[in-house]
Amino acid sequence: MSFEIGESVEVIGNEDGMEGSYFRGQVIDRSPGRRTIRYKTLFAGDGSPLEEVIIVRRLRPPPPTVLARFHLGDMVDAWHNECWWVERYVRREGEKYTVFFENEAPANQHVSYPKAQIRVHQ
């Protein structure tokens, strides 16, 4: 994928404790094999949106919205702490969907979310 200036992207987390996360951002500059990203939910110390040069293989387009029923054990993305985390779907209780965080904070915990905060993992 070319990831042109102005395109929305997701940046795959690769630092300790951030594996399995996807941060939302926008391409603001490009160079061979790299893109400068302005994050939508990460901020610098002065409160301005954080910008970072990222290698292209750590980028993906935001997945399309897919309406789906979740089944026990499905992999889903849960919106938690300003990014998407890949987790395992456990159950639905009324209007809440519960996922199990295996490795990331909050590790080994069940957390419930409204439908708008989970999506099909792609």
PDB file of N, CA and C in Angstrom:
ATOM      1  N   MET A   1       0.843  -1.175   0.000  1.00  0.00           N
ATOM      2  CA  MET A   1       0.000   0.000   0.000  1.00  0.00           C
ATOM      3  C   MET A   1       0.889   1.240   0.000  1.00  0.00           C
ATOM      4  N   SER A   2       0.398   2.309  -0.598  1.00  0.00           N
ATOM      5  CA  SER A   2       1.236   3.497  -0.739  1.00  0.00           C
ATOM      6  C   SER A   2       1.124   4.461   0.442  1.00  0.00           C
ATOM      7  N   PHE A   3      -0.003   4.507   1.118  1.00  0.00           N
ATOM      8  CA  PHE A   3      -0.211   5.403   2.259  1.00  0.00           C
ATOM      9  C   PHE A   3       0.180   6.837   1.905  1.00  0.00           C
ATOM     10  N   GLU A   4      -0.702   7.500   1.206  1.00  0.00           N
ATOM     11  CA  GLU A   4      -0.470   8.857   0.716  1.00  0.00           C
ATOM     12  C   GLU A   4      -0.729   9.889   1.808  1.00  0.00           C
ATOM     13  N   ILE A   5      -0.183  11.078   1.611  1.00  0.00           N
ATOM     14  CA  ILE A   5      -0.406  12.184   2.545  1.00  0.00           C
ATOM     15  C   ILE A   5      -1.905  12.447   2.656  1.00  0.00           C
ATOM     16  N   GLY A   6      -2.376  12.579   3.893  1.00  0.00           N
ATOM     17  CA  GLY A   6      -3.795  12.816   4.161  1.00  0.00           C
ATOM     18  C   GLY A   6      -4.574  11.562   4.488  1.00  0.00           C
ATOM     19  N   GLU A   7      -4.040  10.375   4.179  1.00  0.00           N
ATOM     20  CA  GLU A   7      -4.751   9.128   4.456  1.00  0.00           C
ATOM     21  C   GLU A   7      -4.763   8.810   5.945  1.00  0.00           C
ATOM     22  N   SER A   8      -5.891   8.257   6.400  1.00  0.00           N
ATOM     23  CA  SER A   8      -5.978   7.723   7.755  1.00  0.00           C
ATOM     24  C   SER A   8      -5.312   6.353   7.780  1.00  0.00           C
ATOM     25  N   VAL A   9      -4.614   6.068   8.871  1.00  0.00           N
ATOM     26  CA  VAL A   9      -3.925   4.794   9.034  1.00  0.00           C
ATOM     27  C   VAL A   9      -4.047   4.339  10.479  1.00  0.00           C
ATOM     28  N   GLU A  10      -3.655   3.102  10.711  1.00  0.00           N
ATOM     29  CA  GLU A  10      -3.457   2.595  12.055  1.00  0.00           C
ATOM     30  C   GLU A  10      -2.009   2.143  12.152  1.00  0.00           C
ATOM     31  N   VAL A  11      -1.372   2.499  13.268  1.00  0.00           N
ATOM     32  CA  VAL A  11       0.019   2.160  13.512  1.00  0.00           C
ATOM     33  C   VAL A  11       0.049   0.993  14.489  1.00  0.00           C
ATOM     34  N   ILE A  12       0.724  -0.078  14.092  1.00  0.00           N
ATOM     35  CA  ILE A  12       0.820  -1.273  14.935  1.00  0.00           C
ATOM     36  C   ILE A  12       1.853  -1.017  16.019  1.00  0.00           C
ATOM     37  N   GLY A  13       1.443  -1.138  17.290  1.00  0.00           N
ATOM     38  CA  GLY A  13       2.345  -0.938  18.417  1.00  0.00           C
ATOM     39  C   GLY A  13       3.401  -2.033  18.458  1.00  0.00           C
ATOM     40  N   ASN A  14       4.649  -1.653  18.737  1.00  0.00           N
ATOM     41  CA  ASN A  14       5.707  -2.663  18.778  1.00  0.00           C
ATOM     42  C   ASN A  14       6.621  -2.514  19.991  1.00  0.00           C
ATOM     43  N   GLU A  15       6.340  -1.579  20.880  1.00  0.00           N
ATOM     44  CA  GLU A  15       7.150  -1.417  22.083  1.00  0.00           C
ATOM     45  C   GLU A  15       6.667  -2.386  23.156  1.00  0.00           C
ATOM     46  N   ASP A  16       7.517  -2.646  24.147  1.00  0.00           N
ATOM     47  CA  ASP A  16       7.131  -3.535  25.247  1.00  0.00           C
ATOM     48  C   ASP A  16       5.813  -3.068  25.850  1.00  0.00           C
ATOM     49  N   GLY A  17       4.895  -4.009  26.000  1.00  0.00           N
ATOM     50  CA  GLY A  17       3.600  -3.703  26.569  1.00  0.00           C
ATOM     51  C   GLY A  17       2.598  -3.144  25.589  1.00  0.00           C
ATOM     52  N   MET A  18       3.014  -2.870  24.367  1.00  0.00           N
ATOM     53  CA  MET A  18       2.112  -2.294  23.371  1.00  0.00           C
ATOM     54  C   MET A  18       1.830  -3.250  22.218  1.00  0.00           C
ATOM     55  N   GLU A  19       2.410  -4.453  22.260  1.00  0.00           N
ATOM     56  CA  GLU A  19       2.146  -5.421  21.202  1.00  0.00           C
ATOM     57  C   GLU A  19       0.650  -5.733  21.198  1.00  0.00           C
ATOM     58  N   GLY A  20       0.077  -5.813  20.011  1.00  0.00           N
ATOM     59  CA  GLY A  20      -1.351  -6.095  19.891  1.00  0.00           C
ATOM     60  C   GLY A  20      -2.204  -4.839  19.938  1.00  0.00           C
ATOM     61  N   SER A  21      -1.584  -3.666  19.832  1.00  0.00           N
ATOM     62  CA  SER A  21      -2.347  -2.423  19.842  1.00  0.00           C
ATOM     63  C   SER A  21      -2.266  -1.757  18.469  1.00  0.00           C
ATOM     64  N   TYR A  22      -3.277  -0.951  18.179  1.00  0.00           N
ATOM     65  CA  TYR A  22      -3.349  -0.207  16.920  1.00  0.00           C
ATOM     66  C   TYR A  22      -3.757   1.226  17.239  1.00  0.00           C
ATOM     67  N   PHE A  23      -2.882   2.186  16.904  1.00  0.00           N
ATOM     68  CA  PHE A  23      -3.129   3.599  17.172  1.00  0.00           C
ATOM     69  C   PHE A  23      -3.591   4.299  15.904  1.00  0.00           C
ATOM     70  N   ARG A  24      -4.591   5.153  16.030  1.00  0.00           N
ATOM     71  CA  ARG A  24      -5.127   5.893  14.884  1.00  0.00           C
ATOM     72  C   ARG A  24      -4.271   7.105  14.570  1.00  0.00           C
ATOM     73  N   GLY A  25      -4.081   7.360  13.280  1.00  0.00           N
ATOM     74  CA  GLY A  25      -3.314   8.526  12.874  1.00  0.00           C
ATOM     75  C   GLY A  25      -3.578   8.895  11.430  1.00  0.00           C
ATOM     76  N   GLN A  26      -2.839   9.896  10.970  1.00  0.00           N
ATOM     77  CA  GLN A  26      -2.957  10.375   9.594  1.00  0.00           C
ATOM     78  C   GLN A  26      -1.560  10.619   9.048  1.00  0.00           C
ATOM     79  N   VAL A  27      -1.364  10.247   7.791  1.00  0.00           N
ATOM     80  CA  VAL A  27      -0.081  10.477   7.120  1.00  0.00           C
ATOM     81  C   VAL A  27       0.047  11.964   6.819  1.00  0.00           C
ATOM     82  N   ILE A  28       1.170  12.555   7.288  1.00  0.00           N
ATOM     83  CA  ILE A  28       1.386  13.991   7.010  1.00  0.00           C
ATOM     84  C   ILE A  28       2.618  14.234   6.152  1.00  0.00           C
ATOM     85  N   ASP A  29       3.450  13.198   5.961  1.00  0.00           N
ATOM     86  CA  ASP A  29       4.619  13.332   5.088  1.00  0.00           C
ATOM     87  C   ASP A  29       5.047  11.927   4.687  1.00  0.00           C
ATOM     88  N   ARG A  30       5.785  11.834   3.601  1.00  0.00           N
ATOM     89  CA  ARG A  30       6.243  10.520   3.128  1.00  0.00           C
ATOM     90  C   ARG A  30       7.665  10.600   2.618  1.00  0.00           C
ATOM     91  N   SER A  31       8.388   9.507   2.818  1.00  0.00           N
ATOM     92  CA  SER A  31       9.723   9.323   2.254  1.00  0.00           C
ATOM     93  C   SER A  31       9.819   7.835   1.924  1.00  0.00           C
ATOM     94  N   PRO A  32      10.826   7.413   1.158  1.00  0.00           N
ATOM     95  CA  PRO A  32      10.896   6.002   0.760  1.00  0.00           C
ATOM     96  C   PRO A  32      10.874   5.054   1.971  1.00  0.00           C
ATOM     97  N   GLY A  33       9.867   4.191   1.994  1.00  0.00           N
ATOM     98  CA  GLY A  33       9.749   3.177   3.042  1.00  0.00           C
ATOM     99  C   GLY A  33       9.289   3.690   4.391  1.00  0.00           C
ATOM    100  N   ARG A  34       9.012   4.978   4.510  1.00  0.00           N
ATOM    101  CA  ARG A  34       8.619   5.588   5.787  1.00  0.00           C
ATOM    102  C   ARG A  34       7.507   6.617   5.560  1.00  0.00           C
ATOM    103  N   ARG A  35       6.724   6.824   6.620  1.00  0.00           N
ATOM    104  CA  ARG A  35       5.702   7.863   6.610  1.00  0.00           C
ATOM    105  C   ARG A  35       5.746   8.593   7.950  1.00  0.00           C
ATOM    106  N   THR A  36       5.498   9.898   7.902  1.00  0.00           N
ATOM    107  CA  THR A  36       5.350  10.658   9.140  1.00  0.00           C
ATOM    108  C   THR A  36       3.866  10.649   9.483  1.00  0.00           C
ATOM    109  N   ILE A  37       3.582  10.230  10.709  1.00  0.00           N
ATOM    110  CA  ILE A  37       2.212  10.070  11.178  1.00  0.00           C
ATOM    111  C   ILE A  37       1.920  11.099  12.252  1.00  0.00           C
ATOM    112  N   ARG A  38       0.742  11.720  12.179  1.00  0.00           N
ATOM    113  CA  ARG A  38       0.229  12.547  13.258  1.00  0.00           C
ATOM    114  C   ARG A  38      -0.867  11.709  13.928  1.00  0.00           C
ATOM    115  N   TYR A  39      -0.608  11.337  15.181  1.00  0.00           N
ATOM    116  CA  TYR A  39      -1.560  10.509  15.915  1.00  0.00           C
ATOM    117  C   TYR A  39      -2.803  11.301  16.283  1.00  0.00           C
ATOM    118  N   LYS A  40      -3.925  10.592  16.369  1.00  0.00           N
ATOM    119  CA  LYS A  40      -5.187  11.223  16.741  1.00  0.00           C
ATOM    120  C   LYS A  40      -5.431  11.181  18.243  1.00  0.00           C
ATOM    121  N   THR A  41      -4.806  10.240  18.945  1.00  0.00           N
ATOM    122  CA  THR A  41      -5.078  10.100  20.380  1.00  0.00           C
ATOM    123  C   THR A  41      -3.820  10.092  21.243  1.00  0.00           C
ATOM    124  N   LEU A  42      -2.661  10.317  20.650  1.00  0.00           N
ATOM    125  CA  LEU A  42      -1.417  10.428  21.418  1.00  0.00           C
ATOM    126  C   LEU A  42      -0.913  11.861  21.307  1.00  0.00           C
ATOM    127  N   PHE A  43      -0.449  12.415  22.430  1.00  0.00           N
ATOM    128  CA  PHE A  43      -0.089  13.823  22.454  1.00  0.00           C
ATOM    129  C   PHE A  43       1.292  14.035  23.055  1.00  0.00           C
ATOM    130  N   ALA A  44       1.970  15.068  22.561  1.00  0.00           N
ATOM    131  CA  ALA A  44       3.279  15.464  23.077  1.00  0.00           C
ATOM    132  C   ALA A  44       3.085  16.183  24.409  1.00  0.00           C
ATOM    133  N   GLY A  45       4.195  16.464  25.094  1.00  0.00           N
ATOM    134  CA  GLY A  45       4.146  17.126  26.391  1.00  0.00           C
ATOM    135  C   GLY A  45       3.458  18.477  26.375  1.00  0.00           C
ATOM    136  N   ASP A  46       3.479  19.170  25.232  1.00  0.00           N
ATOM    137  CA  ASP A  46       2.836  20.478  25.141  1.00  0.00           C
ATOM    138  C   ASP A  46       1.360  20.389  24.757  1.00  0.00           C
ATOM    139  N   GLY A  47       0.841  19.156  24.631  1.00  0.00           N
ATOM    140  CA  GLY A  47      -0.565  18.960  24.297  1.00  0.00           C
ATOM    141  C   GLY A  47      -0.861  18.873  22.815  1.00  0.00           C
ATOM    142  N   SER A  48       0.138  19.056  21.973  1.00  0.00           N
ATOM    143  CA  SER A  48      -0.071  18.951  20.532  1.00  0.00           C
ATOM    144  C   SER A  48      -0.064  17.472  20.124  1.00  0.00           C
ATOM    145  N   PRO A  49      -0.720  17.141  19.014  1.00  0.00           N
ATOM    146  CA  PRO A  49      -0.719  15.741  18.563  1.00  0.00           C
ATOM    147  C   PRO A  49       0.707  15.252  18.321  1.00  0.00           C
ATOM    148  N   LEU A  50       1.001  14.066  18.795  1.00  0.00           N
ATOM    149  CA  LEU A  50       2.322  13.468  18.616  1.00  0.00           C
ATOM    150  C   LEU A  50       2.526  13.126  17.152  1.00  0.00           C
ATOM    151  N   GLU A  51       3.719  13.403  16.637  1.00  0.00           N
ATOM    152  CA  GLU A  51       4.097  13.046  15.273  1.00  0.00           C
ATOM    153  C   GLU A  51       5.310  12.136  15.340  1.00  0.00           C
ATOM    154  N   GLU A  52       5.323  11.133  14.446  1.00  0.00           N
ATOM    155  CA  GLU A  52       6.403  10.144  14.477  1.00  0.00           C
ATOM    156  C   GLU A  52       6.641   9.602  13.083  1.00  0.00           C
ATOM    157  N   VAL A  53       7.900   9.353  12.745  1.00  0.00           N
ATOM    158  CA  VAL A  53       8.251   8.710  11.481  1.00  0.00           C
ATOM    159  C   VAL A  53       8.177   7.203  11.710  1.00  0.00           C
ATOM    160  N   ILE A  54       7.416   6.518  10.855  1.00  0.00           N
ATOM    161  CA  ILE A  54       7.118   5.088  11.010  1.00  0.00           C
ATOM    162  C   ILE A  54       7.499   4.365   9.731  1.00  0.00           C
ATOM    163  N   ILE A  55       8.083   3.163   9.862  1.00  0.00           N
ATOM    164  CA  ILE A  55       8.327   2.351   8.670  1.00  0.00           C
ATOM    165  C   ILE A  55       6.979   1.833   8.161  1.00  0.00           C
ATOM    166  N   VAL A  56       6.857   1.754   6.860  1.00  0.00           N
ATOM    167  CA  VAL A  56       5.583   1.428   6.218  1.00  0.00           C
ATOM    168  C   VAL A  56       5.016   0.090   6.685  1.00  0.00           C
ATOM    169  N   ARG A  57       5.861  -0.890   6.974  1.00  0.00           N
ATOM    170  CA  ARG A  57       5.316  -2.215   7.351  1.00  0.00           C
ATOM    171  C   ARG A  57       4.597  -2.193   8.701  1.00  0.00           C
ATOM    172  N   ARG A  58       4.713  -1.114   9.474  1.00  0.00           N
ATOM    173  CA  ARG A  58       3.981  -0.978  10.736  1.00  0.00           C
ATOM    174  C   ARG A  58       2.647  -0.257  10.550  1.00  0.00           C
ATOM    175  N   LEU A  59       2.276   0.020   9.316  1.00  0.00           N
ATOM    176  CA  LEU A  59       1.033   0.728   9.029  1.00  0.00           C
ATOM    177  C   LEU A  59       0.023  -0.198   8.379  1.00  0.00           C
ATOM    178  N   ARG A  60      -1.230   0.119   8.618  1.00  0.00           N
ATOM    179  CA  ARG A  60      -2.311  -0.548   7.894  1.00  0.00           C
ATOM    180  C   ARG A  60      -3.443   0.453   7.748  1.00  0.00           C
ATOM    181  N   PRO A  61      -4.287   0.264   6.725  1.00  0.00           N
ATOM    182  CA  PRO A  61      -5.460   1.137   6.620  1.00  0.00           C
ATOM    183  C   PRO A  61      -6.435   0.774   7.735  1.00  0.00           C
ATOM    184  N   PRO A  62      -7.248   1.721   8.188  1.00  0.00           N
ATOM    185  CA  PRO A  62      -8.267   1.361   9.175  1.00  0.00           C
ATOM    186  C   PRO A  62      -9.197   0.315   8.567  1.00  0.00           C
ATOM    187  N   PRO A  63      -9.534  -0.724   9.312  1.00  0.00           N
ATOM    188  CA  PRO A  63     -10.425  -1.739   8.741  1.00  0.00           C
ATOM    189  C   PRO A  63     -11.826  -1.181   8.515  1.00  0.00           C
ATOM    190  N   PRO A  64     -12.539  -1.723   7.549  1.00  0.00           N
ATOM    191  CA  PRO A  64     -13.909  -1.266   7.304  1.00  0.00           C
ATOM    192  C   PRO A  64     -14.815  -1.685   8.467  1.00  0.00           C
ATOM    193  N   THR A  65     -15.888  -0.952   8.624  1.00  0.00           N
ATOM    194  CA  THR A  65     -16.879  -1.315   9.640  1.00  0.00           C
ATOM    195  C   THR A  65     -17.609  -2.563   9.170  1.00  0.00           C
ATOM    196  N   VAL A  66     -17.622  -3.574  10.017  1.00  0.00           N
ATOM    197  CA  VAL A  66     -18.290  -4.830   9.691  1.00  0.00           C
ATOM    198  C   VAL A  66     -19.304  -5.124  10.785  1.00  0.00           C
ATOM    199  N   LEU A  67     -20.550  -5.284  10.394  1.00  0.00           N
ATOM    200  CA  LEU A  67     -21.561  -5.671  11.366  1.00  0.00           C
ATOM    201  C   LEU A  67     -21.488  -7.179  11.538  1.00  0.00           C
ATOM    202  N   ALA A  68     -21.335  -7.607  12.763  1.00  0.00           N
ATOM    203  CA  ALA A  68     -21.166  -9.042  12.986  1.00  0.00           C
ATOM    204  C   ALA A  68     -21.688  -9.427  14.360  1.00  0.00           C
ATOM    205  N   ARG A  69     -22.002 -10.683  14.469  1.00  0.00           N
ATOM    206  CA  ARG A  69     -22.290 -11.267  15.775  1.00  0.00           C
ATOM    207  C   ARG A  69     -21.000 -11.902  16.250  1.00  0.00           C
ATOM    208  N   PHE A  70     -20.680 -11.684  17.501  1.00  0.00           N
ATOM    209  CA  PHE A  70     -19.470 -12.253  18.052  1.00  0.00           C
ATOM    210  C   PHE A  70     -19.794 -13.578  18.714  1.00  0.00           C
ATOM    211  N   HIS A  71     -18.874 -14.518  18.588  1.00  0.00           N
ATOM    212  CA  HIS A  71     -19.031 -15.832  19.197  1.00  0.00           C
ATOM    213  C   HIS A  71     -17.904 -16.046  20.187  1.00  0.00           C
ATOM    214  N   LEU A  72     -18.169 -16.861  21.162  1.00  0.00           N
ATOM    215  CA  LEU A  72     -17.184 -17.166  22.191  1.00  0.00           C
ATOM    216  C   LEU A  72     -15.840 -17.507  21.557  1.00  0.00           C
ATOM    217  N   GLY A  73     -14.798 -16.821  21.971  1.00  0.00           N
ATOM    218  CA  GLY A  73     -13.452 -17.092  21.478  1.00  0.00           C
ATOM    219  C   GLY A  73     -13.034 -16.288  20.269  1.00  0.00           C
ATOM    220  N   ASP A  74     -13.966 -15.548  19.638  1.00  0.00           N
ATOM    221  CA  ASP A  74     -13.597 -14.713  18.491  1.00  0.00           C
ATOM    222  C   ASP A  74     -12.557 -13.684  18.908  1.00  0.00           C
ATOM    223  N   MET A  75     -11.638 -13.390  18.005  1.00  0.00           N
ATOM    224  CA  MET A  75     -10.701 -12.296  18.225  1.00  0.00           C
ATOM    225  C   MET A  75     -11.399 -11.006  17.827  1.00  0.00           C
ATOM    226  N   VAL A  76     -11.348 -10.013  18.710  1.00  0.00           N
ATOM    227  CA  VAL A  76     -11.951  -8.713  18.453  1.00  0.00           C
ATOM    228  C   VAL A  76     -10.939  -7.628  18.802  1.00  0.00           C
ATOM    229  N   ASP A  77     -11.203  -6.422  18.342  1.00  0.00           N
ATOM    230  CA  ASP A  77     -10.439  -5.260  18.757  1.00  0.00           C
ATOM    231  C   ASP A  77     -11.307  -4.503  19.754  1.00  0.00           C
ATOM    232  N   ALA A  78     -10.729  -4.147  20.891  1.00  0.00           N
ATOM    233  CA  ALA A  78     -11.435  -3.382  21.915  1.00  0.00           C
ATOM    234  C   ALA A  78     -10.762  -2.020  22.067  1.00  0.00           C
ATOM    235  N   TRP A  79     -11.558  -0.951  22.066  1.00  0.00           N
ATOM    236  CA  TRP A  79     -11.032   0.405  22.230  1.00  0.00           C
ATOM    237  C   TRP A  79     -10.766   0.620  23.715  1.00  0.00           C
ATOM    238  N   HIS A  80      -9.486   0.685  24.078  1.00  0.00           N
ATOM    239  CA  HIS A  80      -9.080   0.773  25.485  1.00  0.00           C
ATOM    240  C   HIS A  80      -7.840   1.658  25.582  1.00  0.00           C
ATOM    241  N   ASN A  81      -7.873   2.661  26.440  1.00  0.00           N
ATOM    242  CA  ASN A  81      -6.739   3.570  26.629  1.00  0.00           C
ATOM    243  C   ASN A  81      -6.271   4.220  25.327  1.00  0.00           C
ATOM    244  N   GLU A  82      -7.221   4.729  24.552  1.00  0.00           N
ATOM    245  CA  GLU A  82      -6.949   5.521  23.354  1.00  0.00           C
ATOM    246  C   GLU A  82      -6.366   4.756  22.168  1.00  0.00           C
ATOM    247  N   CYS A  83      -6.518   3.431  22.171  1.00  0.00           N
ATOM    248  CA  CYS A  83      -6.106   2.653  20.993  1.00  0.00           C
ATOM    249  C   CYS A  83      -6.910   1.355  20.954  1.00  0.00           C
ATOM    250  N   TRP A  84      -6.817   0.659  19.824  1.00  0.00           N
ATOM    251  CA  TRP A  84      -7.473  -0.637  19.664  1.00  0.00           C
ATOM    252  C   TRP A  84      -6.525  -1.738  20.136  1.00  0.00           C
ATOM    253  N   TRP A  85      -7.040  -2.705  20.883  1.00  0.00           N
ATOM    254  CA  TRP A  85      -6.270  -3.857  21.371  1.00  0.00           C
ATOM    255  C   TRP A  85      -6.910  -5.136  20.859  1.00  0.00           C
ATOM    256  N   VAL A  86      -6.097  -6.060  20.390  1.00  0.00           N
ATOM    257  CA  VAL A  86      -6.597  -7.355  19.925  1.00  0.00           C
ATOM    258  C   VAL A  86      -6.804  -8.237  21.155  1.00  0.00           C
ATOM    259  N   GLU A  87      -8.044  -8.653  21.354  1.00  0.00           N
ATOM    260  CA  GLU A  87      -8.395  -9.458  22.530  1.00  0.00           C
ATOM    261  C   GLU A  87      -9.381 -10.552  22.136  1.00  0.00           C
ATOM    262  N   ARG A  88      -9.779 -11.346  23.103  1.00  0.00           N
ATOM    263  CA  ARG A  88     -10.686 -12.465  22.854  1.00  0.00           C
ATOM    264  C   ARG A  88     -12.073 -12.159  23.424  1.00  0.00           C
ATOM    265  N   TYR A  89     -13.111 -12.330  22.578  1.00  0.00           N
ATOM    266  CA  TYR A  89     -14.491 -12.095  22.993  1.00  0.00           C
ATOM    267  C   TYR A  89     -14.939 -13.216  23.925  1.00  0.00           C
ATOM    268  N   VAL A  90     -15.630 -12.826  24.996  1.00  0.00           N
ATOM    269  CA  VAL A  90     -16.072 -13.806  25.991  1.00  0.00           C
ATOM    270  C   VAL A  90     -17.595 -13.944  26.016  1.00  0.00           C
ATOM    271  N   ARG A  91     -18.297 -12.819  26.186  1.00  0.00           N
ATOM    272  CA  ARG A  91     -19.758 -12.915  26.293  1.00  0.00           C
ATOM    273  C   ARG A  91     -20.417 -11.549  26.117  1.00  0.00           C
ATOM    274  N   ARG A  92     -21.741 -11.608  25.938  1.00  0.00           N
ATOM    275  CA  ARG A  92     -22.558 -10.397  25.887  1.00  0.00           C
ATOM    276  C   ARG A  92     -23.505 -10.437  27.071  1.00  0.00           C
ATOM    277  N   GLU A  93     -23.609  -9.305  27.744  1.00  0.00           N
ATOM    278  CA  GLU A  93     -24.552  -9.160  28.852  1.00  0.00           C
ATOM    279  C   GLU A  93     -25.354  -7.895  28.610  1.00  0.00           C
ATOM    280  N   GLY A  94     -26.568  -8.041  28.102  1.00  0.00           N
ATOM    281  CA  GLY A  94     -27.379  -6.882  27.759  1.00  0.00           C
ATOM    282  C   GLY A  94     -26.721  -6.105  26.637  1.00  0.00           C
ATOM    283  N   GLU A  95     -26.415  -4.845  26.890  1.00  0.00           N
ATOM    284  CA  GLU A  95     -25.784  -3.987  25.890  1.00  0.00           C
ATOM    285  C   GLU A  95     -24.266  -3.946  26.023  1.00  0.00           C
ATOM    286  N   LYS A  96     -23.686  -4.748  26.884  1.00  0.00           N
ATOM    287  CA  LYS A  96     -22.235  -4.765  27.101  1.00  0.00           C
ATOM    288  C   LYS A  96     -21.630  -6.035  26.513  1.00  0.00           C
ATOM    289  N   TYR A  97     -20.426  -5.877  25.961  1.00  0.00           N
ATOM    290  CA  TYR A  97     -19.674  -6.987  25.377  1.00  0.00           C
ATOM    291  C   TYR A  97     -18.399  -7.151  26.191  1.00  0.00           C
ATOM    292  N   THR A  98     -18.162  -8.343  26.666  1.00  0.00           N
ATOM    293  CA  THR A  98     -17.019  -8.588  27.541  1.00  0.00           C
ATOM    294  C   THR A  98     -15.903  -9.272  26.772  1.00  0.00           C
ATOM    295  N   VAL A  99     -14.683  -8.749  26.933  1.00  0.00           N
ATOM    296  CA  VAL A  99     -13.500  -9.335  26.316  1.00  0.00           C
ATOM    297  C   VAL A  99     -12.500  -9.683  27.410  1.00  0.00           C
ATOM    298  N   PHE A 100     -11.608 -10.601  27.080  1.00  0.00           N
ATOM    299  CA  PHE A 100     -10.586 -11.042  28.020  1.00  0.00           C
ATOM    300  C   PHE A 100      -9.238 -10.518  27.557  1.00  0.00           C
ATOM    301  N   PHE A 101      -8.606  -9.727  28.396  1.00  0.00           N
ATOM    302  CA  PHE A 101      -7.263  -9.216  28.130  1.00  0.00           C
ATOM    303  C   PHE A 101      -6.263 -10.248  28.625  1.00  0.00           C
ATOM    304  N   GLU A 102      -5.555 -10.884  27.699  1.00  0.00           N
ATOM    305  CA  GLU A 102      -4.622 -11.937  28.078  1.00  0.00           C
ATOM    306  C   GLU A 102      -3.272 -11.399  28.517  1.00  0.00           C
ATOM    307  N   ASN A 103      -2.695 -10.462  27.767  1.00  0.00           N
ATOM    308  CA  ASN A 103      -1.319 -10.040  28.029  1.00  0.00           C
ATOM    309  C   ASN A 103      -1.171  -8.574  28.359  1.00  0.00           C
ATOM    310  N   GLU A 104      -1.952  -7.709  27.746  1.00  0.00           N
ATOM    311  CA  GLU A 104      -1.800  -6.277  27.925  1.00  0.00           C
ATOM    312  C   GLU A 104      -2.539  -5.824  29.172  1.00  0.00           C
ATOM    313  N   ALA A 105      -2.150  -4.644  29.679  1.00  0.00           N
ATOM    314  CA  ALA A 105      -2.866  -4.070  30.817  1.00  0.00           C
ATOM    315  C   ALA A 105      -4.281  -3.756  30.370  1.00  0.00           C
ATOM    316  N   PRO A 106      -5.286  -4.161  31.090  1.00  0.00           N
ATOM    317  CA  PRO A 106      -5.267  -4.874  32.366  1.00  0.00           C
ATOM    318  C   PRO A 106      -5.145  -6.385  32.147  1.00  0.00           C
ATOM    319  N   ALA A 107      -3.980  -6.944  32.316  1.00  0.00           N
ATOM    320  CA  ALA A 107      -3.714  -8.359  32.007  1.00  0.00           C
ATOM    321  C   ALA A 107      -4.576  -9.296  32.840  1.00  0.00           C
ATOM    322  N   ASN A 108      -4.996 -10.374  32.167  1.00  0.00           N
ATOM    323  CA  ASN A 108      -5.779 -11.441  32.789  1.00  0.00           C
ATOM    324  C   ASN A 108      -7.056 -10.934  33.453  1.00  0.00           C
ATOM    325  N   GLN A 109      -7.713  -9.996  32.800  1.00  0.00           N
ATOM    326  CA  GLN A 109      -8.965  -9.459  33.322  1.00  0.00           C
ATOM    327  C   GLN A 109     -10.031  -9.468  32.239  1.00  0.00           C
ATOM    328  N   HIS A 110     -11.274  -9.548  32.687  1.00  0.00           N
ATOM    329  CA  HIS A 110     -12.422  -9.387  31.812  1.00  0.00           C
ATOM    330  C   HIS A 110     -12.857  -7.928  31.904  1.00  0.00           C
ATOM    331  N   VAL A 111     -13.092  -7.299  30.745  1.00  0.00           N
ATOM    332  CA  VAL A 111     -13.530  -5.915  30.704  1.00  0.00           C
ATOM    333  C   VAL A 111     -14.729  -5.829  29.769  1.00  0.00           C
ATOM    334  N   SER A 112     -15.762  -5.101  30.198  1.00  0.00           N
ATOM    335  CA  SER A 112     -16.977  -4.956  29.391  1.00  0.00           C
ATOM    336  C   SER A 112     -17.004  -3.603  28.700  1.00  0.00           C
ATOM    337  N   TYR A 113     -17.507  -3.612  27.447  1.00  0.00           N
ATOM    338  CA  TYR A 113     -17.553  -2.418  26.617  1.00  0.00           C
ATOM    339  C   TYR A 113     -18.902  -2.322  25.926  1.00  0.00           C
ATOM    340  N   PRO A 114     -19.324  -1.095  25.594  1.00  0.00           N
ATOM    341  CA  PRO A 114     -20.484  -0.967  24.711  1.00  0.00           C
ATOM    342  C   PRO A 114     -20.082  -1.399  23.302  1.00  0.00           C
ATOM    343  N   LYS A 115     -21.050  -1.730  22.496  1.00  0.00           N
ATOM    344  CA  LYS A 115     -20.812  -2.228  21.138  1.00  0.00           C
ATOM    345  C   LYS A 115     -19.916  -1.289  20.331  1.00  0.00           C
ATOM    346  N   ALA A 116     -20.025   0.017  20.531  1.00  0.00           N
ATOM    347  CA  ALA A 116     -19.235   0.983  19.759  1.00  0.00           C
ATOM    348  C   ALA A 116     -17.743   0.878  20.054  1.00  0.00           C
ATOM    349  N   GLN A 117     -17.364   0.195  21.117  1.00  0.00           N
ATOM    350  CA  GLN A 117     -15.955   0.101  21.497  1.00  0.00           C
ATOM    351  C   GLN A 117     -15.340  -1.257  21.196  1.00  0.00           C
ATOM    352  N   ILE A 118     -16.029  -2.097  20.432  1.00  0.00           N
ATOM    353  CA  ILE A 118     -15.413  -3.330  19.951  1.00  0.00           C
ATOM    354  C   ILE A 118     -15.702  -3.471  18.465  1.00  0.00           C
ATOM    355  N   ARG A 119     -14.828  -4.167  17.783  1.00  0.00           N
ATOM    356  CA  ARG A 119     -14.988  -4.384  16.351  1.00  0.00           C
ATOM    357  C   ARG A 119     -14.391  -5.730  16.002  1.00  0.00           C
ATOM    358  N   VAL A 120     -14.760  -6.221  14.835  1.00  0.00           N
ATOM    359  CA  VAL A 120     -14.199  -7.461  14.314  1.00  0.00           C
ATOM    360  C   VAL A 120     -12.714  -7.236  14.072  1.00  0.00           C
ATOM    361  N   HIS A 121     -11.879  -8.146  14.535  1.00  0.00           N
ATOM    362  CA  HIS A 121     -10.438  -8.020  14.256  1.00  0.00           C
ATOM    363  C   HIS A 121     -10.165  -8.484  12.826  1.00  0.00           C
ATOM    364  N   GLN A 122      -9.399  -7.665  12.098  1.00  0.00           N
ATOM    365  CA  GLN A 122      -9.081  -8.009  10.706  1.00  0.00           C
ATOM    366  C   GLN A 122      -7.603  -7.885  10.488  1.00  0.00           C
TER     367      GLN A 122
END
